[in-house]
Amino acid sequence: MTLMYSAETHQNLISRIPAVTGRSIDDWLHAVAEGPGLHRCEEKIEWLRREYEISYGYAKALVHEFDLRRAAARM
């Protein structure tokens, strides 16, 4: 997935998610991991938006963070 914003903006979004949603990042990442087996980033984003009624920006940041952490774990 290509970010449309800087790494700094991504971190700012990620840091605000717990306060805005009342759920920790780990909870959100677990939800993404346990969600339907969607392959495309946009599908995951749309699923999060529908399932949890969060904004596009937060959903995109969560999917990107999930992908970053999954890639780091593979190394």
C-alpha atoms as a PDB file:
ATOM      1  CA  MET A   1       0.000   0.000   0.000  1.00  0.00           C
ATOM      2  CA  THR A   2       1.281   3.446  -0.821  1.00  0.00           C
ATOM      3  CA  LEU A   3       0.958   6.018   1.903  1.00  0.00           C
ATOM      4  CA  MET A   4      -0.444   9.325   0.825  1.00  0.00           C
ATOM      5  CA  TYR A   5       1.081  11.006   3.854  1.00  0.00           C
ATOM      6  CA  SER A   6       4.415  11.099   5.656  1.00  0.00           C
ATOM      7  CA  ALA A   7       5.694   8.616   8.218  1.00  0.00           C
ATOM      8  CA  GLU A   8       5.299  11.372  10.822  1.00  0.00           C
ATOM      9  CA  THR A   9       1.629  11.819   9.943  1.00  0.00           C
ATOM     10  CA  HIS A  10       1.166   8.052  10.106  1.00  0.00           C
ATOM     11  CA  GLN A  11       2.619   7.962  13.623  1.00  0.00           C
ATOM     12  CA  ASN A  12       0.422  10.886  14.679  1.00  0.00           C
ATOM     13  CA  LEU A  13      -2.672   9.048  13.430  1.00  0.00           C
ATOM     14  CA  ILE A  14      -1.642   5.827  15.168  1.00  0.00           C
ATOM     15  CA  SER A  15      -0.989   7.657  18.437  1.00  0.00           C
ATOM     16  CA  ARG A  16      -4.478   9.247  18.393  1.00  0.00           C
ATOM     17  CA  ILE A  17      -6.435   6.070  17.638  1.00  0.00           C
ATOM     18  CA  PRO A  18      -6.686   4.773  21.253  1.00  0.00           C
ATOM     19  CA  ALA A  19      -8.064   8.089  22.519  1.00  0.00           C
ATOM     20  CA  VAL A  20     -10.496   8.456  19.622  1.00  0.00           C
ATOM     21  CA  THR A  21     -11.741   4.859  19.563  1.00  0.00           C
ATOM     22  CA  GLY A  22     -11.282   3.679  23.145  1.00  0.00           C
ATOM     23  CA  ARG A  23      -9.334   0.629  21.928  1.00  0.00           C
ATOM     24  CA  SER A  24      -5.586   0.012  21.986  1.00  0.00           C
ATOM     25  CA  ILE A  25      -3.555  -0.380  18.823  1.00  0.00           C
ATOM     26  CA  ASP A  26      -2.919  -4.015  19.761  1.00  0.00           C
ATOM     27  CA  ASP A  27      -6.695  -4.593  19.963  1.00  0.00           C
ATOM     28  CA  TRP A  28      -7.138  -3.047  16.528  1.00  0.00           C
ATOM     29  CA  LEU A  29      -4.296  -5.040  15.008  1.00  0.00           C
ATOM     30  CA  HIS A  30      -5.774  -8.212  16.473  1.00  0.00           C
ATOM     31  CA  ALA A  31      -9.125  -7.290  14.865  1.00  0.00           C
ATOM     32  CA  VAL A  32      -7.414  -6.878  11.483  1.00  0.00           C
ATOM     33  CA  ALA A  33      -5.600 -10.201  11.895  1.00  0.00           C
ATOM     34  CA  GLU A  34      -8.771 -12.045  12.918  1.00  0.00           C
ATOM     35  CA  GLY A  35     -11.002 -10.331  10.365  1.00  0.00           C
ATOM     36  CA  PRO A  36     -12.052 -11.795   7.057  1.00  0.00           C
ATOM     37  CA  GLY A  37      -9.250 -13.048   4.840  1.00  0.00           C
ATOM     38  CA  LEU A  38      -9.147  -9.994   2.616  1.00  0.00           C
ATOM     39  CA  HIS A  39      -6.020  -9.534   0.531  1.00  0.00           C
ATOM     40  CA  ARG A  40      -6.243  -6.016  -0.854  1.00  0.00           C
ATOM     41  CA  CYS A  41      -5.514  -3.087   1.439  1.00  0.00           C
ATOM     42  CA  GLU A  42      -8.570  -1.161   0.266  1.00  0.00           C
ATOM     43  CA  GLU A  43     -10.789  -4.160   1.085  1.00  0.00           C
ATOM     44  CA  LYS A  44      -9.381  -4.293   4.620  1.00  0.00           C
ATOM     45  CA  ILE A  45      -9.882  -0.551   5.033  1.00  0.00           C
ATOM     46  CA  GLU A  46     -13.489  -0.721   3.852  1.00  0.00           C
ATOM     47  CA  TRP A  47     -14.167  -3.705   6.119  1.00  0.00           C
ATOM     48  CA  LEU A  48     -12.829  -1.816   9.157  1.00  0.00           C
ATOM     49  CA  ARG A  49     -14.917   1.223   8.258  1.00  0.00           C
ATOM     50  CA  ARG A  50     -18.109  -0.810   7.933  1.00  0.00           C
ATOM     51  CA  GLU A  51     -17.527  -3.155  10.856  1.00  0.00           C
ATOM     52  CA  TYR A  52     -16.300  -0.597  13.388  1.00  0.00           C
ATOM     53  CA  GLU A  53     -17.549   2.719  11.969  1.00  0.00           C
ATOM     54  CA  ILE A  54     -14.162   4.420  12.030  1.00  0.00           C
ATOM     55  CA  SER A  55     -12.913   7.024   9.591  1.00  0.00           C
ATOM     56  CA  TYR A  56     -11.087   6.201   6.390  1.00  0.00           C
ATOM     57  CA  GLY A  57      -7.885   7.822   7.678  1.00  0.00           C
ATOM     58  CA  TYR A  58      -7.770   5.770  10.868  1.00  0.00           C
ATOM     59  CA  ALA A  59      -8.690   2.561   9.056  1.00  0.00           C
ATOM     60  CA  LYS A  60      -5.948   3.175   6.486  1.00  0.00           C
ATOM     61  CA  ALA A  61      -3.410   3.910   9.221  1.00  0.00           C
ATOM     62  CA  LEU A  62      -4.355   0.689  11.032  1.00  0.00           C
ATOM     63  CA  VAL A  63      -4.044  -1.461   7.921  1.00  0.00           C
ATOM     64  CA  HIS A  64      -0.704   0.146   7.094  1.00  0.00           C
ATOM     65  CA  GLU A  65       0.547  -0.411  10.672  1.00  0.00           C
ATOM     66  CA  PHE A  66      -0.606  -4.043  10.496  1.00  0.00           C
ATOM     67  CA  ASP A  67       1.327  -4.523   7.256  1.00  0.00           C
ATOM     68  CA  LEU A  68       4.440  -2.806   8.665  1.00  0.00           C
ATOM     69  CA  ARG A  69       4.467  -4.993  11.760  1.00  0.00           C
ATOM     70  CA  ARG A  70       3.792  -8.161   9.790  1.00  0.00           C
ATOM     71  CA  ALA A  71       6.694  -7.356   7.448  1.00  0.00           C
ATOM     72  CA  ALA A  72       9.000  -6.590  10.406  1.00  0.00           C
ATOM     73  CA  ALA A  73       8.085  -9.903  12.055  1.00  0.00           C
ATOM     74  CA  ARG A  74       9.094 -11.788   8.897  1.00  0.00           C
ATOM     75  CA  MET A  75      12.623 -10.367   9.020  1.00  0.00           C
END
